[in-house]
Amino acid sequence: MKKYVVDIVRKKENNALSKAKEDVTFFLKQEQYLKISLNIFRHRYEKIFTKHIINSKFKDVKRNDVLVVQYPTYLGAYFENNLNQILQSRGVKIIGLIHDLDTLRYPLADATQQSIKFRNEIDRLNKYNIVIASNDVMKDFLIANGLTAEVITLGIFDYRHNIDLKSYPKKSNVLNFAGNLNKSQFLYSFSENIETKLKLFGNYDHTRKLPVHADYQGVFKPEELIKELNQGYGLVWDGLSAHRIEGPFGDYLRYNNPHKTSLYLSSGLPVVIWKEAALADFIKENHVGILIASLDDVDKELGKVSDAEYQIMAKNSYNIALKLKKGFYIKSAVKDAVHLLEN
């Protein structure tokens, strides 16, 4: 039996769009997985060559081999469905690792069309032999909505970097936030009465007014951000409002594993996260952060944290960081998936 992982080649950018998938490929190569690289389609007409691409690129994948596909591939439903059909007809076992559920992240306004779109996504996932869901909440949600494929959970995405974490972060009332600041609408409703400082990293439209206590740091490559995250907390929040979770991006926190959570924890930084986020249970169980209902409460909640309590969270975050840097979670999940395939 040979093992393979699909690697979708994307343009290099200073953001996390491709890093999560690149890290998965890197860590699985350490487990003797062979990489099969595919390019993003540049034109729609390239899709007509889907079957030719599959037969060419996957010609060496044989019966009882294992293939990990990082979902979605962004090569389209037609490609993904054909990939499963062609390879499974050869006896190949395919694991679908979910990074995102785009029907939840980008819901349609029309309820009927949204229901059809989501049903199609479930149908795509059911074509895999085994699905690795991001977390238990996502797993339960998918099963409740028709997922019949065998499903296990990842827990949290790993985050590869080579920075040596020589010390714990400094306790301070600072929220570090890394991401697309133009998309993160909640930042612009942040109350001016809040004294907690915001340190912001990412793309930013300078014509927009940031909150009074915000300190814009600029754009960094994902790995370089690690050195900047050395005090306070990492903020995991999204949507239209700082006062409460609003909008599709905010509601999506109920199901996904935001990659910025892994960024913060891999830096040894405790997090502040919405209490109803899917990752809230992970943060609570590992004692690596604070759960909040509204960013209006952040001054009060951070004020409750003693120096000793922060040191405990920082130590726990450091221990999680050691796992994230080594690919502990993806390696464990894929090993479990392969074990199920063999039994």
C-alpha atoms as a PDB file:
ATOM      1  CA  MET A   1       0.000   0.000   0.000  1.00  0.00           C
ATOM      2  CA  LYS A   2       1.222   3.445  -0.950  1.00  0.00           C
ATOM      3  CA  LYS A   3      -0.085   6.703   0.478  1.00  0.00           C
ATOM      4  CA  TYR A   4      -0.610   9.970  -1.388  1.00  0.00           C
ATOM      5  CA  VAL A   5      -1.718  13.523  -0.635  1.00  0.00           C
ATOM      6  CA  VAL A   6      -3.101  15.966  -3.195  1.00  0.00           C
ATOM      7  CA  ASP A   7      -1.324  19.317  -3.243  1.00  0.00           C
ATOM      8  CA  ILE A   8      -3.110  22.191  -4.972  1.00  0.00           C
ATOM      9  CA  VAL A   9      -0.571  24.703  -6.255  1.00  0.00           C
ATOM     10  CA  ARG A  10      -1.624  28.281  -5.499  1.00  0.00           C
ATOM     11  CA  LYS A  11       0.065  31.637  -5.925  1.00  0.00           C
ATOM     12  CA  LYS A  12       2.241  32.559  -2.947  1.00  0.00           C
ATOM     13  CA  GLU A  13       0.715  35.359  -0.883  1.00  0.00           C
ATOM     14  CA  ASN A  14       1.242  36.915   2.541  1.00  0.00           C
ATOM     15  CA  ASN A  15      -1.840  35.321   4.047  1.00  0.00           C
ATOM     16  CA  ALA A  16      -3.113  32.026   5.424  1.00  0.00           C
ATOM     17  CA  LEU A  17      -5.172  31.013   2.369  1.00  0.00           C
ATOM     18  CA  SER A  18      -2.702  28.368   1.276  1.00  0.00           C
ATOM     19  CA  LYS A  19      -0.618  27.811   4.414  1.00  0.00           C
ATOM     20  CA  ALA A  20      -3.061  25.431   6.106  1.00  0.00           C
ATOM     21  CA  LYS A  21      -3.045  23.092   3.110  1.00  0.00           C
ATOM     22  CA  GLU A  22       0.685  23.456   2.553  1.00  0.00           C
ATOM     23  CA  ASP A  23       1.284  22.488   6.179  1.00  0.00           C
ATOM     24  CA  VAL A  24      -0.894  19.400   5.847  1.00  0.00           C
ATOM     25  CA  THR A  25       1.100  18.323   2.798  1.00  0.00           C
ATOM     26  CA  PHE A  26       4.395  18.966   4.602  1.00  0.00           C
ATOM     27  CA  PHE A  27       3.439  16.954   7.672  1.00  0.00           C
ATOM     28  CA  LEU A  28       2.020  14.038   5.678  1.00  0.00           C
ATOM     29  CA  LYS A  29       5.189  13.881   3.585  1.00  0.00           C
ATOM     30  CA  GLN A  30       6.964  13.285   6.911  1.00  0.00           C
ATOM     31  CA  GLU A  31       4.686  10.244   7.232  1.00  0.00           C
ATOM     32  CA  GLN A  32       5.873   8.930   3.827  1.00  0.00           C
ATOM     33  CA  TYR A  33       2.914  10.275   1.856  1.00  0.00           C
ATOM     34  CA  LEU A  34       3.769  11.013  -1.781  1.00  0.00           C
ATOM     35  CA  LYS A  35       2.684  14.404  -3.104  1.00  0.00           C
ATOM     36  CA  ILE A  36       0.565  14.732  -6.231  1.00  0.00           C
ATOM     37  CA  SER A  37       0.555  18.370  -7.358  1.00  0.00           C
ATOM     38  CA  LEU A  38      -2.317  19.936  -9.294  1.00  0.00           C
ATOM     39  CA  ASN A  39      -2.604  23.475 -10.603  1.00  0.00           C
ATOM     40  CA  ILE A  40      -5.664  25.641 -10.066  1.00  0.00           C
ATOM     41  CA  PHE A  41      -7.627  25.857 -13.327  1.00  0.00           C
ATOM     42  CA  ARG A  42      -6.825  29.157 -15.033  1.00  0.00           C
ATOM     43  CA  HIS A  43      -9.777  28.975 -17.430  1.00  0.00           C
ATOM     44  CA  ARG A  44     -13.165  27.276 -17.329  1.00  0.00           C
ATOM     45  CA  TYR A  45     -12.493  25.327 -20.494  1.00  0.00           C
ATOM     46  CA  GLU A  46      -9.701  23.432 -18.716  1.00  0.00           C
ATOM     47  CA  LYS A  47     -12.417  21.505 -16.859  1.00  0.00           C
ATOM     48  CA  ILE A  48     -13.201  19.568 -20.023  1.00  0.00           C
ATOM     49  CA  PHE A  49      -9.838  17.853 -19.583  1.00  0.00           C
ATOM     50  CA  THR A  50     -10.737  16.710 -16.044  1.00  0.00           C
ATOM     51  CA  LYS A  51     -10.736  12.981 -16.768  1.00  0.00           C
ATOM     52  CA  HIS A  52      -7.513  13.243 -18.752  1.00  0.00           C
ATOM     53  CA  ILE A  53      -5.854  15.137 -15.866  1.00  0.00           C
ATOM     54  CA  ILE A  54      -7.012  12.547 -13.345  1.00  0.00           C
ATOM     55  CA  ASN A  55      -5.856   9.580 -15.432  1.00  0.00           C
ATOM     56  CA  SER A  56      -2.511  11.279 -16.057  1.00  0.00           C
ATOM     57  CA  LYS A  57      -1.725  12.670 -12.621  1.00  0.00           C
ATOM     58  CA  PHE A  58      -3.026   9.660 -10.675  1.00  0.00           C
ATOM     59  CA  LYS A  59      -1.869   6.898 -13.026  1.00  0.00           C
ATOM     60  CA  ASP A  60       0.412   5.374 -10.361  1.00  0.00           C
ATOM     61  CA  VAL A  61      -2.275   5.215  -7.669  1.00  0.00           C
ATOM     62  CA  LYS A  62      -3.372   1.590  -7.404  1.00  0.00           C
ATOM     63  CA  ARG A  63      -5.834  -0.664  -5.579  1.00  0.00           C
ATOM     64  CA  ASN A  64      -5.675  -0.395  -1.761  1.00  0.00           C
ATOM     65  CA  ASP A  65      -3.545   2.757  -1.967  1.00  0.00           C
ATOM     66  CA  VAL A  66      -4.675   5.667   0.207  1.00  0.00           C
ATOM     67  CA  LEU A  67      -5.216   9.191  -1.104  1.00  0.00           C
ATOM     68  CA  VAL A  68      -5.796  12.256   1.096  1.00  0.00           C
ATOM     69  CA  VAL A  69      -7.745  15.041  -0.638  1.00  0.00           C
ATOM     70  CA  GLN A  70      -7.881  18.430   1.048  1.00  0.00           C
ATOM     71  CA  TYR A  71     -11.441  19.668   0.644  1.00  0.00           C
ATOM     72  CA  PRO A  72     -12.442  21.854  -1.063  1.00  0.00           C
ATOM     73  CA  THR A  73      -9.859  21.502  -3.816  1.00  0.00           C
ATOM     74  CA  TYR A  74     -11.114  24.649  -5.598  1.00  0.00           C
ATOM     75  CA  LEU A  75     -11.009  22.647  -8.787  1.00  0.00           C
ATOM     76  CA  GLY A  76     -14.791  22.311  -8.642  1.00  0.00           C
ATOM     77  CA  ALA A  77     -17.457  19.704  -7.880  1.00  0.00           C
ATOM     78  CA  TYR A  78     -17.120  18.143 -11.330  1.00  0.00           C
ATOM     79  CA  PHE A  79     -13.420  17.458 -10.756  1.00  0.00           C
ATOM     80  CA  GLU A  80     -13.883  16.174  -7.193  1.00  0.00           C
ATOM     81  CA  ASN A  81     -16.756  13.856  -8.111  1.00  0.00           C
ATOM     82  CA  ASN A  82     -14.820  12.429 -11.072  1.00  0.00           C
ATOM     83  CA  LEU A  83     -11.714  11.964  -8.946  1.00  0.00           C
ATOM     84  CA  ASN A  84     -13.655   9.886  -6.420  1.00  0.00           C
ATOM     85  CA  GLN A  85     -15.495   7.893  -9.075  1.00  0.00           C
ATOM     86  CA  ILE A  86     -12.442   7.049 -11.202  1.00  0.00           C
ATOM     87  CA  LEU A  87     -10.069   6.207  -8.350  1.00  0.00           C
ATOM     88  CA  GLN A  88     -12.560   4.287  -6.239  1.00  0.00           C
ATOM     89  CA  SER A  89     -13.414   2.177  -9.290  1.00  0.00           C
ATOM     90  CA  ARG A  90      -9.747   1.139  -9.160  1.00  0.00           C
ATOM     91  CA  GLY A  91     -10.050   0.240  -5.475  1.00  0.00           C
ATOM     92  CA  VAL A  92      -8.265   3.336  -4.144  1.00  0.00           C
ATOM     93  CA  LYS A  93      -9.303   4.477  -0.642  1.00  0.00           C
ATOM     94  CA  ILE A  94      -9.894   8.240  -0.434  1.00  0.00           C
ATOM     95  CA  ILE A  95      -9.888  10.412   2.685  1.00  0.00           C
ATOM     96  CA  GLY A  96     -11.488  13.847   2.451  1.00  0.00           C
ATOM     97  CA  LEU A  97      -9.963  16.340   4.895  1.00  0.00           C
ATOM     98  CA  ILE A  98     -12.307  19.305   5.350  1.00  0.00           C
ATOM     99  CA  HIS A  99     -10.703  22.732   5.555  1.00  0.00           C
ATOM    100  CA  ASP A 100     -13.889  24.685   4.859  1.00  0.00           C
ATOM    101  CA  LEU A 101     -17.565  24.224   4.078  1.00  0.00           C
ATOM    102  CA  ASP A 102     -18.190  26.993   1.590  1.00  0.00           C
ATOM    103  CA  THR A 103     -21.960  26.586   1.644  1.00  0.00           C
ATOM    104  CA  LEU A 104     -21.861  27.653   5.301  1.00  0.00           C
ATOM    105  CA  ARG A 105     -19.179  30.275   4.847  1.00  0.00           C
ATOM    106  CA  TYR A 106     -20.889  31.884   1.844  1.00  0.00           C
ATOM    107  CA  PRO A 107     -24.619  31.107   2.260  1.00  0.00           C
ATOM    108  CA  LEU A 108     -27.127  32.127  -0.395  1.00  0.00           C
ATOM    109  CA  ALA A 109     -29.885  34.600   0.493  1.00  0.00           C
ATOM    110  CA  ASP A 110     -32.564  32.387  -1.029  1.00  0.00           C
ATOM    111  CA  ALA A 111     -33.362  29.615   1.477  1.00  0.00           C
ATOM    112  CA  THR A 112     -34.402  27.096  -1.184  1.00  0.00           C
ATOM    113  CA  GLN A 113     -31.266  27.641  -3.258  1.00  0.00           C
ATOM    114  CA  GLN A 114     -29.132  27.481  -0.110  1.00  0.00           C
ATOM    115  CA  SER A 115     -30.720  24.142   0.842  1.00  0.00           C
ATOM    116  CA  ILE A 116     -29.969  22.739  -2.619  1.00  0.00           C
ATOM    117  CA  LYS A 117     -26.406  24.040  -2.514  1.00  0.00           C
ATOM    118  CA  PHE A 118     -25.796  22.476   0.919  1.00  0.00           C
ATOM    119  CA  ARG A 119     -27.365  19.174  -0.150  1.00  0.00           C
ATOM    120  CA  ASN A 120     -24.958  19.089  -3.096  1.00  0.00           C
ATOM    121  CA  GLU A 121     -22.022  19.660  -0.769  1.00  0.00           C
ATOM    122  CA  ILE A 122     -23.132  16.806   1.489  1.00  0.00           C
ATOM    123  CA  ASP A 123     -23.433  14.597  -1.603  1.00  0.00           C
ATOM    124  CA  ARG A 124     -19.863  15.486  -2.585  1.00  0.00           C
ATOM    125  CA  LEU A 125     -18.585  14.585   0.883  1.00  0.00           C
ATOM    126  CA  ASN A 126     -20.475  11.285   0.869  1.00  0.00           C
ATOM    127  CA  LYS A 127     -18.363  10.172  -2.075  1.00  0.00           C
ATOM    128  CA  TYR A 128     -15.266   9.922   0.152  1.00  0.00           C
ATOM    129  CA  ASN A 129     -14.501   6.691   1.974  1.00  0.00           C
ATOM    130  CA  ILE A 130     -13.733   8.644   5.138  1.00  0.00           C
ATOM    131  CA  VAL A 131     -14.223  12.308   5.992  1.00  0.00           C
ATOM    132  CA  ILE A 132     -12.105  14.173   8.540  1.00  0.00           C
ATOM    133  CA  ALA A 133     -14.264  16.962   9.980  1.00  0.00           C
ATOM    134  CA  SER A 134     -12.611  19.962  11.626  1.00  0.00           C
ATOM    135  CA  ASN A 135     -14.170  19.387  15.048  1.00  0.00           C
ATOM    136  CA  ASP A 136     -16.947  17.503  16.852  1.00  0.00           C
ATOM    137  CA  VAL A 137     -19.500  20.258  16.245  1.00  0.00           C
ATOM    138  CA  MET A 138     -18.921  20.079  12.493  1.00  0.00           C
ATOM    139  CA  LYS A 139     -19.023  16.284  12.615  1.00  0.00           C
ATOM    140  CA  ASP A 140     -22.370  16.204  14.436  1.00  0.00           C
ATOM    141  CA  PHE A 141     -23.804  18.873  12.141  1.00  0.00           C
ATOM    142  CA  LEU A 142     -22.821  16.990   8.989  1.00  0.00           C
ATOM    143  CA  ILE A 143     -24.223  13.701  10.260  1.00  0.00           C
ATOM    144  CA  ALA A 144     -27.478  15.409  11.274  1.00  0.00           C
ATOM    145  CA  ASN A 145     -27.729  16.794   7.738  1.00  0.00           C
ATOM    146  CA  GLY A 146     -27.177  13.585   5.825  1.00  0.00           C
ATOM    147  CA  LEU A 147     -23.480  12.700   5.897  1.00  0.00           C
ATOM    148  CA  THR A 148     -23.291   8.911   5.699  1.00  0.00           C
ATOM    149  CA  ALA A 149     -19.567   8.510   5.023  1.00  0.00           C
ATOM    150  CA  GLU A 150     -17.430   7.404   7.945  1.00  0.00           C
ATOM    151  CA  VAL A 151     -16.316  10.558   9.781  1.00  0.00           C
ATOM    152  CA  ILE A 152     -13.686  11.382  12.401  1.00  0.00           C
ATOM    153  CA  THR A 153     -12.451  14.721  13.736  1.00  0.00           C
ATOM    154  CA  LEU A 154      -9.207  16.653  13.458  1.00  0.00           C
ATOM    155  CA  GLY A 155      -9.440  18.799  16.609  1.00  0.00           C
ATOM    156  CA  ILE A 156      -7.415  21.794  15.430  1.00  0.00           C
ATOM    157  CA  PHE A 157      -5.232  22.614  12.431  1.00  0.00           C
ATOM    158  CA  ASP A 158      -1.494  22.401  12.950  1.00  0.00           C
ATOM    159  CA  TYR A 159       0.788  25.350  12.196  1.00  0.00           C
ATOM    160  CA  ARG A 160       4.327  24.764  10.968  1.00  0.00           C
ATOM    161  CA  HIS A 161       7.110  27.202  11.765  1.00  0.00           C
ATOM    162  CA  ASN A 162      10.755  27.060  12.832  1.00  0.00           C
ATOM    163  CA  ILE A 163      10.722  29.798  15.456  1.00  0.00           C
ATOM    164  CA  ASP A 164      12.153  28.672  18.790  1.00  0.00           C
ATOM    165  CA  LEU A 165       9.756  29.767  21.537  1.00  0.00           C
ATOM    166  CA  LYS A 166      12.288  30.693  24.189  1.00  0.00           C
ATOM    167  CA  SER A 167       9.924  32.337  26.660  1.00  0.00           C
ATOM    168  CA  TYR A 168       6.261  32.678  27.532  1.00  0.00           C
ATOM    169  CA  PRO A 169       4.417  35.753  26.242  1.00  0.00           C
ATOM    170  CA  LYS A 170       4.090  38.791  28.465  1.00  0.00           C
ATOM    171  CA  LYS A 171       0.815  39.296  30.286  1.00  0.00           C
ATOM    172  CA  SER A 172      -0.894  42.474  29.078  1.00  0.00           C
ATOM    173  CA  ASN A 173      -4.345  43.663  28.081  1.00  0.00           C
ATOM    174  CA  VAL A 174      -3.618  43.430  24.375  1.00  0.00           C
ATOM    175  CA  LEU A 175      -5.644  41.631  21.730  1.00  0.00           C
ATOM    176  CA  ASN A 176      -3.596  40.589  18.708  1.00  0.00           C
ATOM    177  CA  PHE A 177      -5.674  40.108  15.569  1.00  0.00           C
ATOM    178  CA  ALA A 178      -4.252  38.782  12.306  1.00  0.00           C
ATOM    179  CA  GLY A 179      -6.249  38.561   9.100  1.00  0.00           C
ATOM    180  CA  ASN A 180      -7.885  40.511   6.319  1.00  0.00           C
ATOM    181  CA  LEU A 181      -8.766  43.717   8.159  1.00  0.00           C
ATOM    182  CA  ASN A 182     -10.996  44.853   5.309  1.00  0.00           C
ATOM    183  CA  LYS A 183     -13.146  41.726   5.627  1.00  0.00           C
ATOM    184  CA  SER A 184     -13.223  41.887   9.429  1.00  0.00           C
ATOM    185  CA  GLN A 185     -16.097  44.355   9.699  1.00  0.00           C
ATOM    186  CA  PHE A 186     -16.442  43.956  13.464  1.00  0.00           C
ATOM    187  CA  LEU A 187     -13.253  45.966  13.965  1.00  0.00           C
ATOM    188  CA  TYR A 188     -14.996  49.125  12.812  1.00  0.00           C
ATOM    189  CA  SER A 189     -17.737  48.816  15.437  1.00  0.00           C
ATOM    190  CA  PHE A 190     -15.271  48.297  18.294  1.00  0.00           C
ATOM    191  CA  SER A 191     -16.391  50.517  21.183  1.00  0.00           C
ATOM    192  CA  GLU A 192     -14.203  53.562  21.817  1.00  0.00           C
ATOM    193  CA  ASN A 193     -14.861  53.079  25.538  1.00  0.00           C
ATOM    194  CA  ILE A 194     -12.894  49.832  25.599  1.00  0.00           C
ATOM    195  CA  GLU A 195      -9.368  50.323  26.944  1.00  0.00           C
ATOM    196  CA  THR A 196      -7.932  46.995  25.832  1.00  0.00           C
ATOM    197  CA  LYS A 197      -5.403  47.640  23.085  1.00  0.00           C
ATOM    198  CA  LEU A 198      -5.750  46.081  19.614  1.00  0.00           C
ATOM    199  CA  LYS A 199      -2.643  45.086  17.668  1.00  0.00           C
ATOM    200  CA  LEU A 200      -3.688  44.499  14.063  1.00  0.00           C
ATOM    201  CA  PHE A 201      -1.840  42.579  11.363  1.00  0.00           C
ATOM    202  CA  GLY A 202      -2.918  42.215   7.745  1.00  0.00           C
ATOM    203  CA  ASN A 203      -4.266  43.978   4.674  1.00  0.00           C
ATOM    204  CA  TYR A 204      -5.954  47.255   5.564  1.00  0.00           C
ATOM    205  CA  ASP A 205      -7.717  50.016   3.646  1.00  0.00           C
ATOM    206  CA  HIS A 206      -6.126  53.118   5.159  1.00  0.00           C
ATOM    207  CA  THR A 207      -9.098  55.279   4.242  1.00  0.00           C
ATOM    208  CA  ARG A 208     -11.083  53.533   6.971  1.00  0.00           C
ATOM    209  CA  LYS A 209     -10.912  54.660  10.587  1.00  0.00           C
ATOM    210  CA  LEU A 210      -9.673  52.064  13.043  1.00  0.00           C
ATOM    211  CA  PRO A 211     -10.743  52.018  16.712  1.00  0.00           C
ATOM    212  CA  VAL A 212      -9.089  54.544  19.057  1.00  0.00           C
ATOM    213  CA  HIS A 213      -6.950  51.941  20.808  1.00  0.00           C
ATOM    214  CA  ALA A 214      -5.929  50.074  17.652  1.00  0.00           C
ATOM    215  CA  ASP A 215      -2.273  49.856  16.655  1.00  0.00           C
ATOM    216  CA  TYR A 216      -1.803  48.791  13.038  1.00  0.00           C
ATOM    217  CA  GLN A 217       1.368  46.711  12.637  1.00  0.00           C
ATOM    218  CA  GLY A 218       1.404  46.008   8.901  1.00  0.00           C
ATOM    219  CA  VAL A 219       1.494  42.903   6.701  1.00  0.00           C
ATOM    220  CA  PHE A 220       3.727  39.953   7.554  1.00  0.00           C
ATOM    221  CA  LYS A 221       4.330  36.554   6.051  1.00  0.00           C
ATOM    222  CA  PRO A 222       2.590  33.892   8.179  1.00  0.00           C
ATOM    223  CA  GLU A 223       5.837  32.562   9.635  1.00  0.00           C
ATOM    224  CA  GLU A 224       7.116  36.055  10.467  1.00  0.00           C
ATOM    225  CA  LEU A 225       4.019  36.834  12.499  1.00  0.00           C
ATOM    226  CA  ILE A 226       5.170  34.392  15.177  1.00  0.00           C
ATOM    227  CA  LYS A 227       7.880  36.785  16.345  1.00  0.00           C
ATOM    228  CA  GLU A 228       5.344  39.624  16.694  1.00  0.00           C
ATOM    229  CA  LEU A 229       2.893  37.674  18.854  1.00  0.00           C
ATOM    230  CA  ASN A 230       4.675  37.973  22.181  1.00  0.00           C
ATOM    231  CA  GLN A 231       2.199  39.555  24.580  1.00  0.00           C
ATOM    232  CA  GLY A 232      -1.459  39.456  25.579  1.00  0.00           C
ATOM    233  CA  TYR A 233      -3.908  37.287  23.684  1.00  0.00           C
ATOM    234  CA  GLY A 234      -4.854  36.282  20.162  1.00  0.00           C
ATOM    235  CA  LEU A 235      -8.369  37.315  19.158  1.00  0.00           C
ATOM    236  CA  VAL A 236     -10.675  34.841  17.380  1.00  0.00           C
ATOM    237  CA  TRP A 237     -13.750  36.778  16.252  1.00  0.00           C
ATOM    238  CA  ASP A 238     -15.499  37.484  12.970  1.00  0.00           C
ATOM    239  CA  GLY A 239     -18.592  39.000  11.427  1.00  0.00           C
ATOM    240  CA  LEU A 240     -20.247  42.370  11.242  1.00  0.00           C
ATOM    241  CA  SER A 241     -20.241  43.442  14.881  1.00  0.00           C
ATOM    242  CA  ALA A 242     -17.952  43.623  17.893  1.00  0.00           C
ATOM    243  CA  HIS A 243     -20.977  43.727  20.210  1.00  0.00           C
ATOM    244  CA  ARG A 244     -22.274  40.303  19.226  1.00  0.00           C
ATOM    245  CA  ILE A 245     -21.687  37.736  16.511  1.00  0.00           C
ATOM    246  CA  GLU A 246     -23.532  38.829  13.368  1.00  0.00           C
ATOM    247  CA  GLY A 247     -23.414  37.864   9.704  1.00  0.00           C
ATOM    248  CA  PRO A 248     -22.365  34.704   7.833  1.00  0.00           C
ATOM    249  CA  PHE A 249     -18.645  34.985   8.620  1.00  0.00           C
ATOM    250  CA  GLY A 250     -19.423  35.350  12.303  1.00  0.00           C
ATOM    251  CA  ASP A 251     -21.909  32.493  12.374  1.00  0.00           C
ATOM    252  CA  TYR A 252     -19.397  30.293  10.544  1.00  0.00           C
ATOM    253  CA  LEU A 253     -17.346  30.257  13.760  1.00  0.00           C
ATOM    254  CA  ARG A 254     -19.937  27.794  15.074  1.00  0.00           C
ATOM    255  CA  TYR A 255     -18.542  25.147  12.720  1.00  0.00           C
ATOM    256  CA  ASN A 256     -15.010  25.838  11.497  1.00  0.00           C
ATOM    257  CA  ASN A 257     -11.463  25.812  12.841  1.00  0.00           C
ATOM    258  CA  PRO A 258     -10.141  29.330  12.130  1.00  0.00           C
ATOM    259  CA  HIS A 259      -6.503  29.015  11.098  1.00  0.00           C
ATOM    260  CA  LYS A 260      -5.639  32.142  13.099  1.00  0.00           C
ATOM    261  CA  THR A 261      -6.375  30.141  16.274  1.00  0.00           C
ATOM    262  CA  SER A 262      -3.552  27.804  15.315  1.00  0.00           C
ATOM    263  CA  LEU A 263      -1.314  30.772  14.506  1.00  0.00           C
ATOM    264  CA  TYR A 264      -1.804  32.260  17.973  1.00  0.00           C
ATOM    265  CA  LEU A 265      -1.408  29.001  19.869  1.00  0.00           C
ATOM    266  CA  SER A 266       1.654  27.991  17.850  1.00  0.00           C
ATOM    267  CA  SER A 267       3.173  31.260  19.077  1.00  0.00           C
ATOM    268  CA  GLY A 268       2.439  30.224  22.655  1.00  0.00           C
ATOM    269  CA  LEU A 269      -0.232  32.923  22.884  1.00  0.00           C
ATOM    270  CA  PRO A 270      -3.506  32.272  24.793  1.00  0.00           C
ATOM    271  CA  VAL A 271      -6.642  33.269  22.895  1.00  0.00           C
ATOM    272  CA  VAL A 272      -9.859  35.192  23.414  1.00  0.00           C
ATOM    273  CA  ILE A 273     -12.651  33.481  21.481  1.00  0.00           C
ATOM    274  CA  TRP A 274     -16.423  33.674  21.074  1.00  0.00           C
ATOM    275  CA  LYS A 275     -17.974  31.330  23.638  1.00  0.00           C
ATOM    276  CA  GLU A 276     -20.213  29.639  21.032  1.00  0.00           C
ATOM    277  CA  ALA A 277     -17.429  28.986  18.526  1.00  0.00           C
ATOM    278  CA  ALA A 278     -16.794  25.354  17.627  1.00  0.00           C
ATOM    279  CA  LEU A 279     -13.226  25.674  18.943  1.00  0.00           C
ATOM    280  CA  ALA A 280     -14.411  27.077  22.305  1.00  0.00           C
ATOM    281  CA  ASP A 281     -14.486  23.556  23.764  1.00  0.00           C
ATOM    282  CA  PHE A 282     -10.883  22.939  22.699  1.00  0.00           C
ATOM    283  CA  ILE A 283      -9.786  26.227  24.282  1.00  0.00           C
ATOM    284  CA  LYS A 284     -11.644  25.489  27.502  1.00  0.00           C
ATOM    285  CA  GLU A 285     -10.556  21.862  27.834  1.00  0.00           C
ATOM    286  CA  ASN A 286      -6.897  22.722  27.272  1.00  0.00           C
ATOM    287  CA  HIS A 287      -7.113  25.896  29.396  1.00  0.00           C
ATOM    288  CA  VAL A 288      -5.483  28.058  26.725  1.00  0.00           C
ATOM    289  CA  GLY A 289      -7.740  31.094  26.667  1.00  0.00           C
ATOM    290  CA  ILE A 290     -10.887  32.973  27.593  1.00  0.00           C
ATOM    291  CA  LEU A 291     -14.424  32.560  26.240  1.00  0.00           C
ATOM    292  CA  ILE A 292     -16.521  35.706  25.765  1.00  0.00           C
ATOM    293  CA  ALA A 293     -19.998  36.566  24.507  1.00  0.00           C
ATOM    294  CA  SER A 294     -19.195  40.095  23.338  1.00  0.00           C
ATOM    295  CA  LEU A 295     -16.103  42.183  22.758  1.00  0.00           C
ATOM    296  CA  ASP A 296     -17.817  44.799  24.910  1.00  0.00           C
ATOM    297  CA  ASP A 297     -16.894  42.545  27.843  1.00  0.00           C
ATOM    298  CA  VAL A 298     -13.209  42.250  27.056  1.00  0.00           C
ATOM    299  CA  ASP A 299     -11.962  44.822  29.613  1.00  0.00           C
ATOM    300  CA  LYS A 300     -13.881  43.104  32.383  1.00  0.00           C
ATOM    301  CA  GLU A 301     -12.894  39.574  31.401  1.00  0.00           C
ATOM    302  CA  LEU A 302      -9.187  40.319  30.963  1.00  0.00           C
ATOM    303  CA  GLY A 303      -9.241  42.189  34.269  1.00  0.00           C
ATOM    304  CA  LYS A 304     -10.222  38.965  36.030  1.00  0.00           C
ATOM    305  CA  VAL A 305      -7.051  37.181  34.895  1.00  0.00           C
ATOM    306  CA  SER A 306      -4.334  37.126  37.562  1.00  0.00           C
ATOM    307  CA  ASP A 307      -0.627  36.921  36.750  1.00  0.00           C
ATOM    308  CA  ALA A 308      -0.591  33.311  37.950  1.00  0.00           C
ATOM    309  CA  GLU A 309      -3.617  32.403  35.826  1.00  0.00           C
ATOM    310  CA  TYR A 310      -2.072  33.947  32.727  1.00  0.00           C
ATOM    311  CA  GLN A 311       1.135  32.003  33.303  1.00  0.00           C
ATOM    312  CA  ILE A 312      -0.852  28.765  33.455  1.00  0.00           C
ATOM    313  CA  MET A 313      -2.591  29.576  30.159  1.00  0.00           C
ATOM    314  CA  ALA A 314       0.728  30.590  28.586  1.00  0.00           C
ATOM    315  CA  LYS A 315       2.359  27.338  29.705  1.00  0.00           C
ATOM    316  CA  ASN A 316      -0.536  25.298  28.325  1.00  0.00           C
ATOM    317  CA  SER A 317      -0.396  27.251  25.062  1.00  0.00           C
ATOM    318  CA  TYR A 318       3.322  26.538  24.832  1.00  0.00           C
ATOM    319  CA  ASN A 319       2.643  22.801  25.181  1.00  0.00           C
ATOM    320  CA  ILE A 320      -0.008  22.962  22.456  1.00  0.00           C
ATOM    321  CA  ALA A 321       2.448  24.926  20.295  1.00  0.00           C
ATOM    322  CA  LEU A 322       4.922  22.049  20.437  1.00  0.00           C
ATOM    323  CA  LYS A 323       2.229  19.753  19.029  1.00  0.00           C
ATOM    324  CA  LEU A 324       1.099  22.181  16.337  1.00  0.00           C
ATOM    325  CA  LYS A 325       4.649  22.736  15.099  1.00  0.00           C
ATOM    326  CA  LYS A 326       5.133  18.980  14.639  1.00  0.00           C
ATOM    327  CA  GLY A 327       1.819  18.250  12.924  1.00  0.00           C
ATOM    328  CA  PHE A 328       0.487  16.198  15.831  1.00  0.00           C
ATOM    329  CA  TYR A 329      -3.193  16.662  15.030  1.00  0.00           C
ATOM    330  CA  ILE A 330      -3.161  15.963  11.300  1.00  0.00           C
ATOM    331  CA  LYS A 331      -0.831  12.988  11.710  1.00  0.00           C
ATOM    332  CA  SER A 332      -3.045  11.521  14.433  1.00  0.00           C
ATOM    333  CA  ALA A 333      -6.285  12.049  12.496  1.00  0.00           C
ATOM    334  CA  VAL A 334      -4.959  10.533   9.278  1.00  0.00           C
ATOM    335  CA  LYS A 335      -3.512   7.542  11.140  1.00  0.00           C
ATOM    336  CA  ASP A 336      -6.945   6.958  12.683  1.00  0.00           C
ATOM    337  CA  ALA A 337      -8.571   7.251   9.252  1.00  0.00           C
ATOM    338  CA  VAL A 338      -6.157   4.760   7.683  1.00  0.00           C
ATOM    339  CA  HIS A 339      -6.736   2.367  10.583  1.00  0.00           C
ATOM    340  CA  LEU A 340     -10.474   2.479   9.877  1.00  0.00           C
ATOM    341  CA  LEU A 341      -9.854   1.814   6.195  1.00  0.00           C
ATOM    342  CA  GLU A 342      -7.807  -1.261   7.037  1.00  0.00           C
ATOM    343  CA  ASN A 343     -10.483  -2.737   9.319  1.00  0.00           C
END
